[in-house]
Amino acid sequence: MSGGDPDLDRCDGYVVLVVDPMTGESDCYGPFVEMTEAGQEVMRFREEFSLREFDEVFVELVRWHRR
């Protein structure tokens, strides 16, 4: 997420976005202050959904802005 323009990388935190394209349902978890903590949650969700064979569920780390 970094390596580009520092102004674009600046955010108030991170959230984990989970979307199920089969049902159209979505949810958001967080905010997390540290990208590392949010990234660990992403991996946890991906592993959980993979074990349950919900491979189509989209789990992604997203920048969070208060305004």
N, C-alpha and C. Protein backbone atom coordinates (compact mmCIF):
# COMPACT_ATOMS: atom_id res chain seq x y z
N MET A 1 0.81 -1.19 0.00
CA MET A 1 0.00 0.00 0.00
C MET A 1 0.85 1.25 0.00
N SER A 2 2.09 1.14 0.26
CA SER A 2 2.91 2.34 0.27
C SER A 2 3.90 2.29 -0.87
N GLY A 3 4.72 3.31 -0.93
CA GLY A 3 5.71 3.35 -1.99
C GLY A 3 5.39 4.39 -3.03
N GLY A 4 4.19 4.95 -2.98
CA GLY A 4 3.80 5.99 -3.91
C GLY A 4 3.88 7.35 -3.26
N ASP A 5 2.98 8.19 -3.61
CA ASP A 5 2.88 9.54 -3.07
C ASP A 5 2.52 9.45 -1.59
N PRO A 6 3.34 10.05 -0.69
CA PRO A 6 3.04 9.98 0.75
C PRO A 6 1.66 10.55 1.10
N ASP A 7 1.20 11.55 0.37
CA ASP A 7 -0.12 12.11 0.64
C ASP A 7 -1.23 11.10 0.34
N LEU A 8 -1.03 10.25 -0.65
CA LEU A 8 -2.03 9.24 -0.97
C LEU A 8 -2.04 8.11 0.05
N ASP A 9 -0.88 7.84 0.66
CA ASP A 9 -0.78 6.77 1.64
C ASP A 9 -1.27 7.20 3.02
N ARG A 10 -1.39 8.50 3.24
CA ARG A 10 -1.81 9.00 4.55
C ARG A 10 -3.28 8.67 4.78
N CYS A 11 -3.59 8.11 5.95
CA CYS A 11 -4.97 7.78 6.30
C CYS A 11 -5.09 7.75 7.82
N ASP A 12 -6.32 7.63 8.30
CA ASP A 12 -6.57 7.60 9.73
C ASP A 12 -6.51 6.19 10.32
N GLY A 13 -6.46 5.21 9.48
CA GLY A 13 -6.41 3.83 9.92
C GLY A 13 -6.73 2.91 8.76
N TYR A 14 -7.05 1.67 9.09
CA TYR A 14 -7.33 0.66 8.08
C TYR A 14 -8.54 -0.15 8.51
N VAL A 15 -9.30 -0.63 7.55
CA VAL A 15 -10.43 -1.52 7.82
C VAL A 15 -10.29 -2.75 6.94
N VAL A 16 -10.96 -3.80 7.35
CA VAL A 16 -10.99 -5.04 6.58
C VAL A 16 -12.38 -5.13 5.96
N LEU A 17 -12.43 -5.15 4.65
CA LEU A 17 -13.68 -5.23 3.90
C LEU A 17 -13.90 -6.67 3.47
N VAL A 18 -15.10 -7.20 3.77
CA VAL A 18 -15.46 -8.57 3.40
C VAL A 18 -16.74 -8.49 2.56
N VAL A 19 -16.69 -9.04 1.34
CA VAL A 19 -17.83 -9.00 0.43
C VAL A 19 -18.09 -10.41 -0.10
N ASP A 20 -19.35 -10.83 -0.02
CA ASP A 20 -19.76 -12.12 -0.59
C ASP A 20 -20.54 -11.83 -1.87
N PRO A 21 -19.94 -12.05 -3.04
CA PRO A 21 -20.63 -11.73 -4.29
C PRO A 21 -21.84 -12.64 -4.56
N MET A 22 -21.89 -13.78 -3.91
CA MET A 22 -23.02 -14.69 -4.12
C MET A 22 -24.29 -14.18 -3.44
N THR A 23 -24.14 -13.59 -2.26
CA THR A 23 -25.30 -13.10 -1.51
C THR A 23 -25.47 -11.59 -1.61
N GLY A 24 -24.40 -10.90 -2.01
CA GLY A 24 -24.43 -9.44 -2.07
C GLY A 24 -24.20 -8.79 -0.72
N GLU A 25 -23.93 -9.59 0.30
CA GLU A 25 -23.68 -9.04 1.63
C GLU A 25 -22.24 -8.58 1.77
N SER A 26 -22.07 -7.54 2.59
CA SER A 26 -20.72 -7.05 2.86
C SER A 26 -20.64 -6.62 4.32
N ASP A 27 -19.43 -6.57 4.82
CA ASP A 27 -19.19 -6.12 6.18
C ASP A 27 -17.80 -5.51 6.24
N CYS A 28 -17.61 -4.70 7.27
CA CYS A 28 -16.36 -3.99 7.44
C CYS A 28 -15.93 -4.14 8.90
N TYR A 29 -14.65 -4.45 9.14
CA TYR A 29 -14.13 -4.64 10.48
C TYR A 29 -13.01 -3.66 10.74
N GLY A 30 -13.02 -3.07 11.91
CA GLY A 30 -12.00 -2.09 12.28
C GLY A 30 -12.66 -0.87 12.86
N PRO A 31 -12.00 0.22 12.87
CA PRO A 31 -10.71 0.50 12.24
C PRO A 31 -9.53 -0.02 13.06
N PHE A 32 -8.45 -0.27 12.35
CA PHE A 32 -7.19 -0.66 12.94
C PHE A 32 -6.21 0.49 12.72
N VAL A 33 -5.42 0.80 13.73
CA VAL A 33 -4.45 1.89 13.62
C VAL A 33 -3.26 1.46 12.77
N GLU A 34 -2.79 0.26 13.00
CA GLU A 34 -1.60 -0.24 12.31
C GLU A 34 -1.97 -1.13 11.12
N MET A 35 -1.27 -0.94 10.01
CA MET A 35 -1.49 -1.77 8.84
C MET A 35 -1.18 -3.24 9.13
N THR A 36 -0.18 -3.48 9.97
CA THR A 36 0.20 -4.85 10.30
C THR A 36 -0.95 -5.60 10.97
N GLU A 37 -1.60 -4.95 11.94
CA GLU A 37 -2.72 -5.59 12.64
C GLU A 37 -3.88 -5.87 11.68
N ALA A 38 -4.18 -4.90 10.83
CA ALA A 38 -5.25 -5.08 9.85
C ALA A 38 -4.89 -6.20 8.87
N GLY A 39 -3.64 -6.26 8.45
CA GLY A 39 -3.19 -7.31 7.55
C GLY A 39 -3.32 -8.69 8.16
N GLN A 40 -3.08 -8.80 9.45
CA GLN A 40 -3.25 -10.08 10.14
C GLN A 40 -4.72 -10.50 10.14
N GLU A 41 -5.62 -9.54 10.31
CA GLU A 41 -7.05 -9.84 10.25
C GLU A 41 -7.47 -10.29 8.86
N VAL A 42 -6.91 -9.66 7.83
CA VAL A 42 -7.19 -10.07 6.45
C VAL A 42 -6.80 -11.54 6.27
N MET A 43 -5.61 -11.89 6.71
CA MET A 43 -5.14 -13.27 6.55
C MET A 43 -6.01 -14.24 7.36
N ARG A 44 -6.42 -13.84 8.55
CA ARG A 44 -7.28 -14.69 9.38
C ARG A 44 -8.61 -14.96 8.69
N PHE A 45 -9.23 -13.89 8.14
CA PHE A 45 -10.50 -14.06 7.43
C PHE A 45 -10.33 -14.92 6.19
N ARG A 46 -9.26 -14.68 5.43
CA ARG A 46 -9.03 -15.48 4.21
C ARG A 46 -8.86 -16.95 4.54
N GLU A 47 -8.12 -17.25 5.61
CA GLU A 47 -7.93 -18.64 6.01
C GLU A 47 -9.25 -19.26 6.45
N GLU A 48 -10.02 -18.51 7.24
CA GLU A 48 -11.31 -19.01 7.73
C GLU A 48 -12.25 -19.32 6.57
N PHE A 49 -12.36 -18.40 5.63
CA PHE A 49 -13.26 -18.62 4.49
C PHE A 49 -12.74 -19.74 3.58
N SER A 50 -11.45 -19.87 3.46
CA SER A 50 -10.88 -20.95 2.65
C SER A 50 -11.19 -22.31 3.28
N LEU A 51 -11.04 -22.41 4.59
CA LEU A 51 -11.35 -23.66 5.28
C LEU A 51 -12.81 -24.04 5.13
N ARG A 52 -13.68 -23.05 5.07
CA ARG A 52 -15.11 -23.30 4.93
C ARG A 52 -15.52 -23.40 3.47
N GLU A 53 -14.52 -23.34 2.57
CA GLU A 53 -14.71 -23.44 1.12
C GLU A 53 -15.58 -22.32 0.57
N PHE A 54 -15.41 -21.12 1.14
CA PHE A 54 -16.07 -19.92 0.62
C PHE A 54 -15.02 -19.12 -0.15
N ASP A 55 -14.46 -19.73 -1.17
CA ASP A 55 -13.35 -19.12 -1.91
C ASP A 55 -13.74 -17.88 -2.70
N GLU A 56 -15.04 -17.69 -2.95
CA GLU A 56 -15.48 -16.52 -3.73
C GLU A 56 -15.60 -15.26 -2.88
N VAL A 57 -15.51 -15.40 -1.55
CA VAL A 57 -15.63 -14.24 -0.66
C VAL A 57 -14.39 -13.36 -0.82
N PHE A 58 -14.61 -12.08 -1.01
CA PHE A 58 -13.56 -11.08 -1.21
C PHE A 58 -13.19 -10.49 0.14
N VAL A 59 -11.91 -10.54 0.52
CA VAL A 59 -11.42 -9.96 1.77
C VAL A 59 -10.24 -9.07 1.42
N GLU A 60 -10.34 -7.79 1.80
CA GLU A 60 -9.29 -6.85 1.41
C GLU A 60 -9.04 -5.81 2.49
N LEU A 61 -7.82 -5.33 2.54
CA LEU A 61 -7.40 -4.24 3.42
C LEU A 61 -7.69 -2.92 2.70
N VAL A 62 -8.36 -2.00 3.41
CA VAL A 62 -8.78 -0.73 2.80
C VAL A 62 -8.36 0.41 3.72
N ARG A 63 -7.85 1.48 3.13
CA ARG A 63 -7.54 2.69 3.93
C ARG A 63 -8.83 3.30 4.45
N TRP A 64 -8.76 3.82 5.67
CA TRP A 64 -9.94 4.44 6.30
C TRP A 64 -9.64 5.91 6.54
N HIS A 65 -10.59 6.75 6.14
CA HIS A 65 -10.49 8.20 6.33
C HIS A 65 -11.70 8.68 7.11
N ARG A 66 -11.48 9.48 8.12
CA ARG A 66 -12.58 9.96 8.97
C ARG A 66 -13.51 10.91 8.22
N ARG A 67 -13.01 11.61 7.26
CA ARG A 67 -13.88 12.57 6.58
C ARG A 67 -14.16 12.16 5.18
